[in-house]
Amino acid sequence: MARLLLLFLPGLVAVCAVHGIFMDRLASRKLCADDECVYTISLARAQEDYSAPDCRFINVKKGQWIYVYSKLVKENEAGEFWAGSVRRDHLKYIHILTYVSLNFSSVYGDQPEDEMGTVGYFPSNLVQEQYVYQEATKEVPTTVSILEVPGKDSDLK
């Protein structure tokens, strides 16, 4: 009996220790310029710094330019969030002008930020739209889908 308990106890501890963190859905619908939400809606400029609370969001610094790809449709008392990526190419010009090697590490990895183009959510009141390329007229569900590369055979069907 003691041997059975010794075998069972580590398994019970492992099951109790391993758990996932449930993240609430931010919205069930979003506005995009196209059905796949791949075209840029606008270019916005950050008005203040923002630290991402979890992996769904992006870190933003005041003055950075952000490409906006979709705008979540606000539900209930939820905040209004947009999806986009920080425009990183301006860092290359700083490097040329100052002759300083820019080596940023981020919460997303050790790769320099100006090559990453991480897409994530940010509060819409954080930015001010500067250029609107297309109106966000397509309302689509916020579901995860797998995009297939044209001309490539996909094992995922």
C-alpha atoms as a PDB file:
ATOM      1  CA  MET A   1       0.000   0.000   0.000  1.00  0.00           C
ATOM      2  CA  ALA A   2       2.848   2.403   0.853  1.00  0.00           C
ATOM      3  CA  ARG A   3       4.489   1.630  -2.502  1.00  0.00           C
ATOM      4  CA  LEU A   4       1.233   2.440  -4.335  1.00  0.00           C
ATOM      5  CA  LEU A   5       0.953   5.718  -2.435  1.00  0.00           C
ATOM      6  CA  LEU A   6       4.540   6.634  -3.357  1.00  0.00           C
ATOM      7  CA  LEU A   7       3.724   6.036  -7.034  1.00  0.00           C
ATOM      8  CA  PHE A   8       0.440   7.935  -6.889  1.00  0.00           C
ATOM      9  CA  LEU A   9       1.634  10.992  -4.918  1.00  0.00           C
ATOM     10  CA  PRO A  10       4.125  12.409  -7.499  1.00  0.00           C
ATOM     11  CA  GLY A  11       1.483  12.050 -10.214  1.00  0.00           C
ATOM     12  CA  LEU A  12      -1.054  13.930  -8.123  1.00  0.00           C
ATOM     13  CA  VAL A  13       1.452  16.705  -7.423  1.00  0.00           C
ATOM     14  CA  ALA A  14       2.263  16.994 -11.149  1.00  0.00           C
ATOM     15  CA  VAL A  15      -1.407  17.234 -12.111  1.00  0.00           C
ATOM     16  CA  CYS A  16      -2.066  19.902  -9.483  1.00  0.00           C
ATOM     17  CA  ALA A  17       1.057  21.906 -10.389  1.00  0.00           C
ATOM     18  CA  VAL A  18       0.403  22.015 -14.140  1.00  0.00           C
ATOM     19  CA  HIS A  19      -2.409  24.328 -15.089  1.00  0.00           C
ATOM     20  CA  GLY A  20      -3.160  26.806 -17.839  1.00  0.00           C
ATOM     21  CA  ILE A  21      -4.143  30.397 -17.514  1.00  0.00           C
ATOM     22  CA  PHE A  22      -7.506  31.159 -19.067  1.00  0.00           C
ATOM     23  CA  MET A  23      -7.588  34.457 -20.910  1.00  0.00           C
ATOM     24  CA  ASP A  24     -10.941  36.046 -21.613  1.00  0.00           C
ATOM     25  CA  ARG A  25     -11.789  36.811 -25.211  1.00  0.00           C
ATOM     26  CA  LEU A  26     -11.401  40.525 -25.896  1.00  0.00           C
ATOM     27  CA  ALA A  27     -14.215  40.568 -28.487  1.00  0.00           C
ATOM     28  CA  SER A  28     -16.137  38.200 -30.734  1.00  0.00           C
ATOM     29  CA  ARG A  29     -16.057  40.465 -33.820  1.00  0.00           C
ATOM     30  CA  LYS A  30     -13.567  42.824 -35.439  1.00  0.00           C
ATOM     31  CA  LEU A  31     -13.562  45.430 -38.195  1.00  0.00           C
ATOM     32  CA  CYS A  32     -11.064  45.019 -41.032  1.00  0.00           C
ATOM     33  CA  ALA A  33     -10.313  46.421 -44.480  1.00  0.00           C
ATOM     34  CA  ASP A  34     -10.663  42.941 -46.048  1.00  0.00           C
ATOM     35  CA  ASP A  35     -12.043  39.496 -45.164  1.00  0.00           C
ATOM     36  CA  GLU A  36      -8.668  38.171 -43.923  1.00  0.00           C
ATOM     37  CA  CYS A  37      -7.600  41.318 -42.017  1.00  0.00           C
ATOM     38  CA  VAL A  38      -4.223  41.432 -43.760  1.00  0.00           C
ATOM     39  CA  TYR A  39      -4.389  44.911 -45.299  1.00  0.00           C
ATOM     40  CA  THR A  40      -3.363  47.953 -43.295  1.00  0.00           C
ATOM     41  CA  ILE A  41      -6.262  50.149 -42.221  1.00  0.00           C
ATOM     42  CA  SER A  42      -4.240  53.075 -40.933  1.00  0.00           C
ATOM     43  CA  LEU A  43      -0.976  54.354 -39.538  1.00  0.00           C
ATOM     44  CA  ALA A  44      -1.204  55.697 -35.989  1.00  0.00           C
ATOM     45  CA  ARG A  45       1.221  57.370 -33.614  1.00  0.00           C
ATOM     46  CA  ALA A  46       1.502  56.400 -29.935  1.00  0.00           C
ATOM     47  CA  GLN A  47       0.659  59.228 -27.537  1.00  0.00           C
ATOM     48  CA  GLU A  48       2.096  57.467 -24.465  1.00  0.00           C
ATOM     49  CA  ASP A  49       3.990  54.356 -23.363  1.00  0.00           C
ATOM     50  CA  TYR A  50       2.130  51.071 -22.896  1.00  0.00           C
ATOM     51  CA  SER A  51       3.425  47.865 -21.292  1.00  0.00           C
ATOM     52  CA  ALA A  52       1.793  44.689 -22.548  1.00  0.00           C
ATOM     53  CA  PRO A  53      -0.058  42.834 -19.754  1.00  0.00           C
ATOM     54  CA  ASP A  54       0.186  39.459 -21.542  1.00  0.00           C
ATOM     55  CA  CYS A  55       1.299  37.832 -24.796  1.00  0.00           C
ATOM     56  CA  ARG A  56      -1.739  39.026 -26.775  1.00  0.00           C
ATOM     57  CA  PHE A  57      -0.620  42.656 -26.531  1.00  0.00           C
ATOM     58  CA  ILE A  58       2.376  44.632 -27.796  1.00  0.00           C
ATOM     59  CA  ASN A  59       4.662  47.032 -25.951  1.00  0.00           C
ATOM     60  CA  VAL A  60       4.483  50.570 -27.299  1.00  0.00           C
ATOM     61  CA  LYS A  61       6.624  53.628 -26.630  1.00  0.00           C
ATOM     62  CA  LYS A  62       5.444  57.217 -27.005  1.00  0.00           C
ATOM     63  CA  GLY A  63       6.091  58.512 -30.518  1.00  0.00           C
ATOM     64  CA  GLN A  64       6.267  55.101 -32.204  1.00  0.00           C
ATOM     65  CA  TRP A  65       4.314  54.512 -35.400  1.00  0.00           C
ATOM     66  CA  ILE A  66       1.858  51.603 -35.422  1.00  0.00           C
ATOM     67  CA  TYR A  67       0.321  49.886 -38.445  1.00  0.00           C
ATOM     68  CA  VAL A  68      -3.339  49.121 -37.623  1.00  0.00           C
ATOM     69  CA  TYR A  69      -4.785  45.906 -39.151  1.00  0.00           C
ATOM     70  CA  SER A  70      -8.072  45.454 -37.289  1.00  0.00           C
ATOM     71  CA  LYS A  71     -10.310  47.127 -34.722  1.00  0.00           C
ATOM     72  CA  LEU A  72     -12.158  44.970 -32.213  1.00  0.00           C
ATOM     73  CA  VAL A  73     -15.879  45.645 -31.905  1.00  0.00           C
ATOM     74  CA  LYS A  74     -16.424  46.780 -28.309  1.00  0.00           C
ATOM     75  CA  GLU A  75     -18.614  44.502 -26.177  1.00  0.00           C
ATOM     76  CA  ASN A  76     -20.220  45.327 -22.817  1.00  0.00           C
ATOM     77  CA  GLU A  77     -17.788  47.141 -20.527  1.00  0.00           C
ATOM     78  CA  ALA A  78     -14.659  45.918 -22.306  1.00  0.00           C
ATOM     79  CA  GLY A  79     -12.056  48.413 -23.454  1.00  0.00           C
ATOM     80  CA  GLU A  80     -11.609  49.196 -27.124  1.00  0.00           C
ATOM     81  CA  PHE A  81      -8.580  47.452 -28.596  1.00  0.00           C
ATOM     82  CA  TRP A  82      -6.981  47.510 -32.020  1.00  0.00           C
ATOM     83  CA  ALA A  83      -4.525  45.015 -33.531  1.00  0.00           C
ATOM     84  CA  GLY A  84      -1.344  46.221 -35.138  1.00  0.00           C
ATOM     85  CA  SER A  85       2.428  46.139 -35.255  1.00  0.00           C
ATOM     86  CA  VAL A  86       4.988  48.763 -34.332  1.00  0.00           C
ATOM     87  CA  ARG A  87       6.807  50.229 -37.305  1.00  0.00           C
ATOM     88  CA  ARG A  88      10.427  49.288 -36.620  1.00  0.00           C
ATOM     89  CA  ASP A  89      12.289  50.533 -39.705  1.00  0.00           C
ATOM     90  CA  HIS A  90      12.934  53.981 -38.193  1.00  0.00           C
ATOM     91  CA  LEU A  91      15.579  52.365 -35.950  1.00  0.00           C
ATOM     92  CA  LYS A  92      17.808  51.704 -38.981  1.00  0.00           C
ATOM     93  CA  TYR A  93      17.959  55.440 -39.712  1.00  0.00           C
ATOM     94  CA  ILE A  94      18.895  56.189 -36.091  1.00  0.00           C
ATOM     95  CA  HIS A  95      21.716  53.643 -36.424  1.00  0.00           C
ATOM     96  CA  ILE A  96      23.062  55.330 -39.554  1.00  0.00           C
ATOM     97  CA  LEU A  97      22.848  58.844 -38.101  1.00  0.00           C
ATOM     98  CA  THR A  98      24.397  58.106 -34.714  1.00  0.00           C
ATOM     99  CA  TYR A  99      26.832  55.299 -35.664  1.00  0.00           C
ATOM    100  CA  VAL A 100      25.669  53.414 -32.605  1.00  0.00           C
ATOM    101  CA  SER A 101      24.824  49.747 -32.740  1.00  0.00           C
ATOM    102  CA  LEU A 102      21.232  49.296 -31.634  1.00  0.00           C
ATOM    103  CA  ASN A 103      20.753  46.033 -29.841  1.00  0.00           C
ATOM    104  CA  PHE A 104      17.316  45.915 -28.239  1.00  0.00           C
ATOM    105  CA  SER A 105      16.131  42.811 -26.491  1.00  0.00           C
ATOM    106  CA  SER A 106      12.440  42.429 -25.872  1.00  0.00           C
ATOM    107  CA  VAL A 107      10.037  40.240 -23.985  1.00  0.00           C
ATOM    108  CA  TYR A 108       9.473  38.390 -27.261  1.00  0.00           C
ATOM    109  CA  GLY A 109      13.052  37.149 -27.626  1.00  0.00           C
ATOM    110  CA  ASP A 110      16.663  38.184 -28.113  1.00  0.00           C
ATOM    111  CA  GLN A 111      16.240  39.073 -31.781  1.00  0.00           C
ATOM    112  CA  PRO A 112      16.570  42.832 -32.412  1.00  0.00           C
ATOM    113  CA  GLU A 113      13.174  44.531 -32.323  1.00  0.00           C
ATOM    114  CA  ASP A 114      13.601  46.294 -35.658  1.00  0.00           C
ATOM    115  CA  GLU A 115      13.435  42.905 -37.420  1.00  0.00           C
ATOM    116  CA  MET A 116      10.542  41.378 -35.492  1.00  0.00           C
ATOM    117  CA  GLY A 117       7.302  43.079 -36.521  1.00  0.00           C
ATOM    118  CA  THR A 118       5.324  41.502 -33.674  1.00  0.00           C
ATOM    119  CA  VAL A 119       1.559  41.843 -34.131  1.00  0.00           C
ATOM    120  CA  GLY A 120      -0.629  42.323 -31.072  1.00  0.00           C
ATOM    121  CA  TYR A 121      -3.370  44.336 -29.416  1.00  0.00           C
ATOM    122  CA  PHE A 122      -3.148  47.771 -27.821  1.00  0.00           C
ATOM    123  CA  PRO A 123      -5.742  50.197 -26.391  1.00  0.00           C
ATOM    124  CA  SER A 124      -7.190  52.439 -29.105  1.00  0.00           C
ATOM    125  CA  ASN A 125      -7.078  55.495 -26.825  1.00  0.00           C
ATOM    126  CA  LEU A 126      -3.285  55.108 -26.700  1.00  0.00           C
ATOM    127  CA  VAL A 127      -2.828  56.242 -30.311  1.00  0.00           C
ATOM    128  CA  GLN A 128      -3.915  58.924 -32.727  1.00  0.00           C
ATOM    129  CA  GLU A 129      -4.531  57.895 -36.337  1.00  0.00           C
ATOM    130  CA  GLN A 130      -2.388  59.953 -38.694  1.00  0.00           C
ATOM    131  CA  TYR A 131      -3.101  58.319 -42.079  1.00  0.00           C
ATOM    132  CA  VAL A 132      -6.163  56.263 -42.989  1.00  0.00           C
ATOM    133  CA  TYR A 133      -5.392  54.007 -45.955  1.00  0.00           C
ATOM    134  CA  GLN A 134      -8.710  52.144 -46.124  1.00  0.00           C
ATOM    135  CA  GLU A 135     -11.936  52.238 -44.160  1.00  0.00           C
ATOM    136  CA  ALA A 136     -12.551  49.263 -41.855  1.00  0.00           C
ATOM    137  CA  THR A 137     -15.899  48.154 -43.315  1.00  0.00           C
ATOM    138  CA  LYS A 138     -15.693  44.340 -43.098  1.00  0.00           C
ATOM    139  CA  GLU A 139     -16.992  42.891 -39.828  1.00  0.00           C
ATOM    140  CA  VAL A 140     -15.560  39.411 -39.270  1.00  0.00           C
ATOM    141  CA  PRO A 141     -15.447  36.974 -36.317  1.00  0.00           C
ATOM    142  CA  THR A 142     -12.335  36.913 -34.135  1.00  0.00           C
ATOM    143  CA  THR A 143     -11.457  33.291 -34.752  1.00  0.00           C
ATOM    144  CA  VAL A 144      -8.068  31.703 -35.241  1.00  0.00           C
ATOM    145  CA  SER A 145      -7.523  30.315 -38.717  1.00  0.00           C
ATOM    146  CA  ILE A 146      -4.636  28.695 -40.556  1.00  0.00           C
ATOM    147  CA  LEU A 147      -3.555  30.544 -43.676  1.00  0.00           C
ATOM    148  CA  GLU A 148      -2.262  28.426 -46.531  1.00  0.00           C
ATOM    149  CA  VAL A 149       0.584  29.635 -48.710  1.00  0.00           C
ATOM    150  CA  PRO A 150      -0.498  29.719 -52.377  1.00  0.00           C
ATOM    151  CA  GLY A 151       1.301  27.115 -54.464  1.00  0.00           C
ATOM    152  CA  LYS A 152       2.366  25.042 -51.481  1.00  0.00           C
ATOM    153  CA  ASP A 153       0.873  21.677 -50.562  1.00  0.00           C
ATOM    154  CA  SER A 154      -0.514  21.793 -47.064  1.00  0.00           C
ATOM    155  CA  ASP A 155      -0.659  18.847 -44.683  1.00  0.00           C
ATOM    156  CA  LEU A 156      -3.251  20.725 -42.644  1.00  0.00           C
ATOM    157  CA  LYS A 157      -6.674  20.202 -44.193  1.00  0.00           C
END
